[in-house]
Amino acid sequence: MKFLNSVEAAAALGVTTRTLWTWRNTSPVKGPTFVRIGRSVRYPVDEMIDFVAEHTRLSGEKPNHQT
């Protein structure tokens, strides 16, 4: 399994590392699935792909509000 660190994950999503931090610390978690390895936060690449797929919509589509 391949992982991204916070800087890499933020760049891949086009957000800041602060946004990732906020998403991780919001209940329920809003951002992509992450794991802690010791004190490090890592984002599994497969989970990042799933997150992008679930949060992508085409122009003109209505948002898919999931609860």
Protein backbone atom coordinates (compact mmCIF):
# COMPACT_ATOMS: atom_id res chain seq x y z
CA MET A 1 0.00 0.00 0.00
CA LYS A 2 1.32 3.44 -0.96
CA PHE A 3 0.82 6.53 1.21
CA LEU A 4 1.02 10.29 0.75
CA ASN A 5 2.12 12.69 3.46
CA SER A 6 0.05 15.80 4.21
CA VAL A 7 1.98 18.04 1.82
CA GLU A 8 1.62 15.56 -1.04
CA ALA A 9 -2.07 14.92 -0.29
CA ALA A 10 -2.83 18.64 -0.11
CA ALA A 11 -1.10 19.24 -3.44
CA ALA A 12 -2.97 16.35 -5.05
CA LEU A 13 -6.32 17.77 -3.88
CA GLY A 14 -5.47 21.41 -4.54
CA VAL A 15 -6.01 22.43 -0.91
CA THR A 16 -3.72 23.58 1.88
CA THR A 17 -2.29 21.39 4.61
CA ARG A 18 -4.34 23.52 7.01
CA THR A 19 -7.52 22.43 5.20
CA LEU A 20 -6.50 18.79 5.59
CA TRP A 21 -5.87 19.42 9.28
CA THR A 22 -9.32 21.00 9.64
CA TRP A 23 -10.98 18.10 7.81
CA ARG A 24 -9.16 15.57 10.05
CA ASN A 25 -10.27 17.37 13.19
CA THR A 26 -13.92 17.85 12.22
CA SER A 27 -16.47 15.40 13.54
CA PRO A 28 -17.43 13.55 11.48
CA VAL A 29 -14.25 13.65 9.42
CA LYS A 30 -14.88 15.54 6.17
CA GLY A 31 -11.74 14.75 4.22
CA PRO A 32 -10.08 11.64 2.85
CA THR A 33 -9.38 8.66 5.06
CA PHE A 34 -6.06 8.95 6.88
CA VAL A 35 -3.94 6.84 9.17
CA ARG A 36 -1.50 7.73 11.89
CA ILE A 37 1.82 5.96 11.85
CA GLY A 38 3.46 7.02 15.07
CA ARG A 39 3.09 10.81 15.05
CA SER A 40 2.89 11.01 11.26
CA VAL A 41 -0.35 11.38 9.33
CA ARG A 42 -0.52 9.50 6.04
CA TYR A 43 -3.16 9.24 3.32
CA PRO A 44 -3.52 5.91 1.50
CA VAL A 45 -3.40 6.57 -2.26
CA ASP A 46 -6.35 4.21 -2.90
CA GLU A 47 -8.45 6.15 -0.38
CA MET A 48 -7.45 9.44 -2.00
CA ILE A 49 -8.64 8.16 -5.37
CA ASP A 50 -11.96 7.07 -3.83
CA PHE A 51 -12.37 10.43 -2.09
CA VAL A 52 -11.85 12.34 -5.34
CA ALA A 53 -14.26 10.05 -7.21
CA GLU A 54 -16.95 10.51 -4.54
CA HIS A 55 -16.55 14.30 -4.50
CA THR A 56 -16.29 14.94 -8.23
CA ARG A 57 -19.23 16.17 -10.23
CA LEU A 58 -19.60 17.33 -13.79
CA SER A 59 -20.56 20.87 -14.69
CA GLY A 60 -24.31 21.27 -14.30
CA GLU A 61 -24.73 18.33 -11.92
CA LYS A 62 -26.28 18.95 -8.55
CA PRO A 63 -24.14 18.17 -5.50
CA ASN A 64 -24.60 14.72 -4.00
CA HIS A 65 -25.33 15.57 -0.37
CA GLN A 66 -24.56 12.52 1.71
CA THR A 67 -25.43 12.37 5.38
